[in-house]
């Protein structure tokens, strides 16, 4: 059974990233499965640290992007929106070039909070970063 509210559109979500850090880092969402959101990010001059490997902050940006969009796509956007409350990350393998791939899955989807597990891998499928992000589910403010 799918976790998504309605029919979420990756094209729409990716287009909403214009002019943001998401686009600046080259992050794109690539696939929705029944219970996960997948995306990718290049390892290049935008995402490397001075030592020549993927910057841990860029990995965290990819992880939070996937968790945020994932959480947002599970709630009724007319009633709720989701924002990050906390994120942690363990960086377990350096990557110097190519792409990294992330997959975000909810561990819990409560009424006011959600917790997402995000696994980032290299092009060979080896773990690069393991992250967990807690999302707040907030009511949309009244228009009146």
C-alpha atoms as a PDB file:
ATOM      1  CA  UNK A   1       0.000   0.000   0.000  1.00  0.00           C
ATOM      2  CA  UNK A   2       1.343   3.423  -1.000  1.00  0.00           C
ATOM      3  CA  UNK A   3       2.206   6.003   1.686  1.00  0.00           C
ATOM      4  CA  UNK A   4       1.634   9.000  -0.591  1.00  0.00           C
ATOM      5  CA  UNK A   5      -1.238  11.463  -0.353  1.00  0.00           C
ATOM      6  CA  UNK A   6      -2.972  11.779  -3.706  1.00  0.00           C
ATOM      7  CA  UNK A   7      -0.787  11.605  -6.802  1.00  0.00           C
ATOM      8  CA  UNK A   8       2.491  13.401  -6.010  1.00  0.00           C
ATOM      9  CA  UNK A   9       4.477  14.664  -8.988  1.00  0.00           C
ATOM     10  CA  UNK A  10       8.263  14.535  -9.079  1.00  0.00           C
ATOM     11  CA  UNK A  11       8.229  16.965 -12.007  1.00  0.00           C
ATOM     12  CA  UNK A  12       6.271  19.493  -9.943  1.00  0.00           C
ATOM     13  CA  UNK A  13       8.515  18.991  -6.885  1.00  0.00           C
ATOM     14  CA  UNK A  14      11.708  19.356  -8.943  1.00  0.00           C
ATOM     15  CA  UNK A  15      10.348  22.521 -10.617  1.00  0.00           C
ATOM     16  CA  UNK A  16       9.670  24.079  -7.175  1.00  0.00           C
ATOM     17  CA  UNK A  17      13.405  23.902  -6.457  1.00  0.00           C
ATOM     18  CA  UNK A  18      14.380  26.605  -8.972  1.00  0.00           C
ATOM     19  CA  UNK A  19      16.448  29.328  -7.310  1.00  0.00           C
ATOM     20  CA  UNK A  20      17.078  27.292  -4.138  1.00  0.00           C
ATOM     21  CA  UNK A  21      20.002  25.456  -2.552  1.00  0.00           C
ATOM     22  CA  UNK A  22      18.506  22.266  -3.982  1.00  0.00           C
ATOM     23  CA  UNK A  23      19.131  23.425  -7.550  1.00  0.00           C
ATOM     24  CA  UNK A  24      22.479  25.026  -6.652  1.00  0.00           C
ATOM     25  CA  UNK A  25      23.727  21.653  -5.401  1.00  0.00           C
ATOM     26  CA  UNK A  26      22.308  19.780  -8.417  1.00  0.00           C
ATOM     27  CA  UNK A  27      19.894  17.704  -6.318  1.00  0.00           C
ATOM     28  CA  UNK A  28      17.012  16.087  -8.153  1.00  0.00           C
ATOM     29  CA  UNK A  29      14.294  13.714  -7.100  1.00  0.00           C
ATOM     30  CA  UNK A  30      14.197  10.723  -9.408  1.00  0.00           C
ATOM     31  CA  UNK A  31      11.680   8.093  -8.275  1.00  0.00           C
ATOM     32  CA  UNK A  32       8.751   7.380  -5.987  1.00  0.00           C
ATOM     33  CA  UNK A  33       8.268   3.795  -4.875  1.00  0.00           C
ATOM     34  CA  UNK A  34       5.326   2.651  -2.745  1.00  0.00           C
ATOM     35  CA  UNK A  35       7.211   3.600   0.430  1.00  0.00           C
ATOM     36  CA  UNK A  36      10.261   5.685  -0.494  1.00  0.00           C
ATOM     37  CA  UNK A  37      11.491   8.757  -2.346  1.00  0.00           C
ATOM     38  CA  UNK A  38      14.739   8.533  -4.309  1.00  0.00           C
ATOM     39  CA  UNK A  39      17.037  11.253  -5.553  1.00  0.00           C
ATOM     40  CA  UNK A  40      20.577  11.978  -6.651  1.00  0.00           C
ATOM     41  CA  UNK A  41      23.258  14.634  -6.401  1.00  0.00           C
ATOM     42  CA  UNK A  42      26.461  15.136  -8.396  1.00  0.00           C
ATOM     43  CA  UNK A  43      29.840  15.046  -6.722  1.00  0.00           C
ATOM     44  CA  UNK A  44      31.515  18.038  -8.365  1.00  0.00           C
ATOM     45  CA  UNK A  45      32.770  21.526  -7.547  1.00  0.00           C
ATOM     46  CA  UNK A  46      29.406  22.470  -6.021  1.00  0.00           C
ATOM     47  CA  UNK A  47      29.387  19.594  -3.539  1.00  0.00           C
ATOM     48  CA  UNK A  48      33.063  18.829  -2.773  1.00  0.00           C
ATOM     49  CA  UNK A  49      34.989  20.093   0.236  1.00  0.00           C
ATOM     50  CA  UNK A  50      38.539  21.483  -0.183  1.00  0.00           C
ATOM     51  CA  UNK A  51      40.010  17.991   0.348  1.00  0.00           C
ATOM     52  CA  UNK A  52      38.422  16.923  -2.940  1.00  0.00           C
ATOM     53  CA  UNK A  53      35.671  14.621  -1.632  1.00  0.00           C
ATOM     54  CA  UNK A  54      31.949  15.026  -1.065  1.00  0.00           C
ATOM     55  CA  UNK A  55      31.246  17.619   1.629  1.00  0.00           C
ATOM     56  CA  UNK A  56      29.311  16.176   4.577  1.00  0.00           C
ATOM     57  CA  UNK A  57      27.033  19.218   4.528  1.00  0.00           C
ATOM     58  CA  UNK A  58      26.065  18.456   0.939  1.00  0.00           C
ATOM     59  CA  UNK A  59      25.139  14.908   1.975  1.00  0.00           C
ATOM     60  CA  UNK A  60      23.003  16.336   4.770  1.00  0.00           C
ATOM     61  CA  UNK A  61      21.342  18.727   2.302  1.00  0.00           C
ATOM     62  CA  UNK A  62      20.457  15.762   0.060  1.00  0.00           C
ATOM     63  CA  UNK A  63      19.148  13.788   3.044  1.00  0.00           C
ATOM     64  CA  UNK A  64      16.982  16.628   4.367  1.00  0.00           C
ATOM     65  CA  UNK A  65      15.688  17.438   0.886  1.00  0.00           C
ATOM     66  CA  UNK A  66      14.488  13.862   0.413  1.00  0.00           C
ATOM     67  CA  UNK A  67      12.992  13.663   3.920  1.00  0.00           C
ATOM     68  CA  UNK A  68      11.265  17.043   3.564  1.00  0.00           C
ATOM     69  CA  UNK A  69       9.731  16.286   0.195  1.00  0.00           C
ATOM     70  CA  UNK A  70       8.884  12.766   1.289  1.00  0.00           C
ATOM     71  CA  UNK A  71       7.076  13.975   4.395  1.00  0.00           C
ATOM     72  CA  UNK A  72       5.319  16.718   2.451  1.00  0.00           C
ATOM     73  CA  UNK A  73       4.039  14.203  -0.083  1.00  0.00           C
ATOM     74  CA  UNK A  74       2.385  12.077   2.634  1.00  0.00           C
ATOM     75  CA  UNK A  75       0.112  14.798   4.024  1.00  0.00           C
ATOM     76  CA  UNK A  76      -2.815  16.789   2.626  1.00  0.00           C
ATOM     77  CA  UNK A  77      -1.132  20.054   1.506  1.00  0.00           C
ATOM     78  CA  UNK A  78      -4.399  21.944   1.995  1.00  0.00           C
ATOM     79  CA  UNK A  79      -4.224  21.150   5.716  1.00  0.00           C
ATOM     80  CA  UNK A  80      -0.542  20.536   6.604  1.00  0.00           C
ATOM     81  CA  UNK A  81       3.034  21.321   5.725  1.00  0.00           C
ATOM     82  CA  UNK A  82       6.246  19.687   6.953  1.00  0.00           C
ATOM     83  CA  UNK A  83       9.519  21.209   8.145  1.00  0.00           C
ATOM     84  CA  UNK A  84      12.717  19.700   9.474  1.00  0.00           C
ATOM     85  CA  UNK A  85      13.187  19.610  13.259  1.00  0.00           C
ATOM     86  CA  UNK A  86      16.385  17.586  13.607  1.00  0.00           C
ATOM     87  CA  UNK A  87      18.818  15.727  11.400  1.00  0.00           C
ATOM     88  CA  UNK A  88      21.855  13.587  12.075  1.00  0.00           C
ATOM     89  CA  UNK A  89      24.262  11.955   9.690  1.00  0.00           C
ATOM     90  CA  UNK A  90      27.077   9.433   9.774  1.00  0.00           C
ATOM     91  CA  UNK A  91      29.514   9.848   6.889  1.00  0.00           C
ATOM     92  CA  UNK A  92      30.982   6.421   6.229  1.00  0.00           C
ATOM     93  CA  UNK A  93      32.733   6.555   2.828  1.00  0.00           C
ATOM     94  CA  UNK A  94      34.363   9.367   0.832  1.00  0.00           C
ATOM     95  CA  UNK A  95      33.333   9.987  -2.779  1.00  0.00           C
ATOM     96  CA  UNK A  96      35.471  12.121  -5.109  1.00  0.00           C
ATOM     97  CA  UNK A  97      33.447  12.155  -8.322  1.00  0.00           C
ATOM     98  CA  UNK A  98      30.310  10.897 -10.060  1.00  0.00           C
ATOM     99  CA  UNK A  99      26.932  10.779  -8.375  1.00  0.00           C
ATOM    100  CA  UNK A 100      25.529   9.842  -5.002  1.00  0.00           C
ATOM    101  CA  UNK A 101      22.034   8.403  -4.665  1.00  0.00           C
ATOM    102  CA  UNK A 102      19.666   8.817  -1.745  1.00  0.00           C
ATOM    103  CA  UNK A 103      16.598   6.893  -0.679  1.00  0.00           C
ATOM    104  CA  UNK A 104      14.317   8.195   2.083  1.00  0.00           C
ATOM    105  CA  UNK A 105      11.797   5.988   3.915  1.00  0.00           C
ATOM    106  CA  UNK A 106       9.581   6.897   6.850  1.00  0.00           C
ATOM    107  CA  UNK A 107      10.247   5.082  10.100  1.00  0.00           C
ATOM    108  CA  UNK A 108       7.186   6.704  11.699  1.00  0.00           C
ATOM    109  CA  UNK A 109       4.449   8.936  10.321  1.00  0.00           C
ATOM    110  CA  UNK A 110       2.608  10.418  13.250  1.00  0.00           C
ATOM    111  CA  UNK A 111       0.022  13.164  13.424  1.00  0.00           C
ATOM    112  CA  UNK A 112       2.546  15.852  14.470  1.00  0.00           C
ATOM    113  CA  UNK A 113       5.960  14.341  13.683  1.00  0.00           C
ATOM    114  CA  UNK A 114       7.513  11.992  11.195  1.00  0.00           C
ATOM    115  CA  UNK A 115      10.928  10.309  11.364  1.00  0.00           C
ATOM    116  CA  UNK A 116      12.686   9.434   8.105  1.00  0.00           C
ATOM    117  CA  UNK A 117      15.652   7.144   7.420  1.00  0.00           C
ATOM    118  CA  UNK A 118      17.838   8.285   4.516  1.00  0.00           C
ATOM    119  CA  UNK A 119      20.535   6.083   2.973  1.00  0.00           C
ATOM    120  CA  UNK A 120      22.996   7.671   0.564  1.00  0.00           C
ATOM    121  CA  UNK A 121      25.120   5.406  -1.622  1.00  0.00           C
ATOM    122  CA  UNK A 122      27.782   5.792  -4.305  1.00  0.00           C
ATOM    123  CA  UNK A 123      27.474   4.612  -7.907  1.00  0.00           C
ATOM    124  CA  UNK A 124      28.444   1.071  -6.822  1.00  0.00           C
ATOM    125  CA  UNK A 125      25.674   0.972  -4.197  1.00  0.00           C
ATOM    126  CA  UNK A 126      28.096   1.256  -1.254  1.00  0.00           C
ATOM    127  CA  UNK A 127      26.993   3.312   1.761  1.00  0.00           C
ATOM    128  CA  UNK A 128      28.263   6.898   1.868  1.00  0.00           C
ATOM    129  CA  UNK A 129      26.000   8.484   4.496  1.00  0.00           C
ATOM    130  CA  UNK A 130      23.354   7.160   6.867  1.00  0.00           C
ATOM    131  CA  UNK A 131      20.988   9.831   8.141  1.00  0.00           C
ATOM    132  CA  UNK A 132      17.820  10.233  10.179  1.00  0.00           C
ATOM    133  CA  UNK A 133      15.588  13.296   9.963  1.00  0.00           C
ATOM    134  CA  UNK A 134      12.694  14.271  12.218  1.00  0.00           C
ATOM    135  CA  UNK A 135       9.991  16.317  10.526  1.00  0.00           C
ATOM    136  CA  UNK A 136       7.331  18.480  12.159  1.00  0.00           C
ATOM    137  CA  UNK A 137       3.845  18.228  10.639  1.00  0.00           C
ATOM    138  CA  UNK A 138       2.254  21.652  11.074  1.00  0.00           C
ATOM    139  CA  UNK A 139      -1.232  22.941  10.263  1.00  0.00           C
ATOM    140  CA  UNK A 140      -1.454  25.391   7.384  1.00  0.00           C
ATOM    141  CA  UNK A 141      -2.249  28.805   8.896  1.00  0.00           C
ATOM    142  CA  UNK A 142      -5.806  29.983   8.428  1.00  0.00           C
ATOM    143  CA  UNK A 143      -6.323  32.385   5.532  1.00  0.00           C
ATOM    144  CA  UNK A 144      -8.661  34.529   7.655  1.00  0.00           C
END
